[in-house]
Amino acid sequence: MKRFYKHLLFAASGTLLLAACKKELSTPYPENTTPLVRTTFEGVVKDQDNLVIDSAQVTAGGVTIYTDANGYFKLSQVLVDSTAATVIAGKPGYDADTATMVTHSYATHQVVFTLSPSH
């Protein structure tokens, strides 16, 4: 009879261990990560005198584009961290400007950058 209880205890322990492992594996995101979302950033890059800056580089989510002749840019559907997406604008001769924001899936976020001349 003692042997039966030992086997029963062993089987119950194994079942509890497997159930605990299954619960941990079913979490939607691995530990220390945040969900990624696709989102759009658009806006203008200007200087301190409010004049547009053409050919400024704008980067978010590993995607880089350049502003047009009106200082306008649009980064469409880039994959970024939903809790703190960072967009960076810069051009040689200017200090870079950074915007960090919470983003939402398939939303369009307006960003205006003001670049200061480098010294």
Protein backbone atom coordinates (compact mmCIF):
# COMPACT_ATOMS: atom_id res chain seq x y z
CA MET A 1 0.00 0.00 0.00
CA LYS A 2 2.90 2.36 0.77
CA ARG A 3 4.22 1.73 -2.74
CA PHE A 4 0.84 2.78 -4.21
CA TYR A 5 0.90 6.10 -2.32
CA LYS A 6 4.50 6.77 -3.42
CA HIS A 7 3.48 6.26 -7.07
CA LEU A 8 0.39 8.42 -6.58
CA LEU A 9 2.45 11.18 -4.96
CA PHE A 10 5.03 10.99 -7.77
CA ALA A 11 2.34 11.17 -10.46
CA ALA A 12 0.63 14.11 -8.77
CA SER A 13 3.94 15.97 -8.43
CA GLY A 14 4.70 15.43 -12.12
CA THR A 15 1.26 16.65 -13.15
CA LEU A 16 1.62 19.81 -11.05
CA LEU A 17 5.08 20.46 -12.50
CA LEU A 18 3.83 20.11 -16.08
CA ALA A 19 0.83 22.34 -15.37
CA ALA A 20 3.12 25.03 -13.93
CA CYS A 21 5.42 24.86 -16.96
CA LYS A 22 2.52 25.07 -19.38
CA LYS A 23 1.19 28.21 -17.70
CA GLU A 24 4.58 29.90 -17.92
CA LEU A 25 4.97 29.05 -21.62
CA SER A 26 1.54 30.43 -22.48
CA THR A 27 2.39 34.03 -21.55
CA PRO A 28 1.97 36.29 -24.62
CA TYR A 29 5.37 38.00 -24.39
CA PRO A 30 8.70 36.75 -23.10
CA GLU A 31 9.91 38.28 -19.86
CA ASN A 32 11.48 41.76 -20.19
CA THR A 33 9.97 42.49 -23.60
CA THR A 34 7.15 44.76 -24.67
CA PRO A 35 4.74 44.39 -27.56
CA LEU A 36 5.63 45.85 -30.93
CA VAL A 37 3.12 47.78 -33.03
CA ARG A 38 2.99 49.08 -36.59
CA THR A 39 2.46 52.81 -36.65
CA THR A 40 3.04 55.89 -38.81
CA PHE A 41 5.01 59.03 -37.97
CA GLU A 42 4.66 62.18 -40.04
CA GLY A 43 5.61 65.78 -39.61
CA VAL A 44 8.07 68.53 -40.42
CA VAL A 45 11.69 69.29 -39.62
CA LYS A 46 12.45 73.00 -39.05
CA ASP A 47 15.30 75.12 -37.77
CA GLN A 48 15.26 77.58 -34.86
CA ASP A 49 14.01 80.34 -37.18
CA ASN A 50 11.01 78.14 -38.14
CA LEU A 51 12.40 77.58 -41.65
CA VAL A 52 11.93 74.08 -43.08
CA ILE A 53 14.95 71.83 -43.49
CA ASP A 54 15.03 69.71 -46.62
CA SER A 55 16.99 66.43 -46.85
CA ALA A 56 16.99 65.94 -43.08
CA GLN A 57 17.29 62.31 -42.06
CA VAL A 58 14.39 60.91 -39.97
CA THR A 59 14.62 57.45 -38.36
CA ALA A 60 12.21 55.23 -36.40
CA GLY A 61 12.02 51.48 -35.96
CA GLY A 62 15.16 50.94 -38.01
CA VAL A 63 13.66 52.74 -41.03
CA THR A 64 15.29 55.92 -42.35
CA ILE A 65 13.87 58.45 -44.80
CA TYR A 66 14.70 62.04 -45.81
CA THR A 67 12.51 65.13 -45.71
CA ASP A 68 11.28 66.66 -48.94
CA ALA A 69 11.81 70.28 -50.09
CA ASN A 70 9.11 71.40 -47.61
CA GLY A 71 10.76 69.64 -44.65
CA TYR A 72 7.95 67.05 -44.65
CA PHE A 73 8.43 63.37 -43.83
CA LYS A 74 6.21 60.31 -43.44
CA LEU A 75 7.41 56.99 -42.03
CA SER A 76 4.56 54.58 -42.79
CA GLN A 77 3.75 51.45 -40.80
CA VAL A 78 7.10 51.07 -39.05
CA LEU A 79 7.45 48.41 -36.35
CA VAL A 80 8.23 50.03 -32.97
CA ASP A 81 7.99 49.37 -29.24
CA SER A 82 4.50 50.28 -28.04
CA THR A 83 5.65 51.73 -24.72
CA ALA A 84 8.45 54.05 -25.85
CA ALA A 85 8.98 54.56 -29.56
CA THR A 86 11.80 56.94 -30.48
CA VAL A 87 11.98 59.05 -33.64
CA ILE A 88 15.20 60.91 -34.45
CA ALA A 89 15.77 63.74 -36.94
CA GLY A 90 19.12 65.14 -37.97
CA LYS A 91 21.21 66.69 -40.71
CA PRO A 92 24.92 67.48 -40.98
CA GLY A 93 25.53 70.94 -39.51
CA TYR A 94 22.69 70.54 -36.98
CA ASP A 95 22.30 68.83 -33.62
CA ALA A 96 19.87 65.91 -33.79
CA ASP A 97 16.43 66.16 -32.19
CA THR A 98 14.64 63.18 -30.61
CA ALA A 99 10.97 62.51 -29.82
CA THR A 100 9.92 59.57 -27.64
CA MET A 101 6.26 58.65 -27.28
CA VAL A 102 3.75 55.93 -26.53
CA THR A 103 2.40 54.59 -29.81
CA HIS A 104 -0.73 52.76 -30.94
CA SER A 105 -1.20 50.19 -33.68
CA TYR A 106 -1.96 51.66 -37.10
CA ALA A 107 -2.21 55.21 -35.72
CA THR A 108 -0.56 58.28 -37.24
CA HIS A 109 1.58 60.31 -34.84
CA GLN A 110 2.38 63.94 -35.67
CA VAL A 111 5.94 65.05 -34.91
CA VAL A 112 7.58 68.47 -35.40
CA PHE A 113 11.34 68.59 -34.99
CA THR A 114 13.38 71.75 -34.40
CA LEU A 115 17.07 71.38 -35.20
CA SER A 116 19.69 73.72 -33.77
CA PRO A 117 22.91 74.52 -35.65
CA SER A 118 25.93 72.55 -34.37
CA HIS A 119 28.77 74.49 -32.83
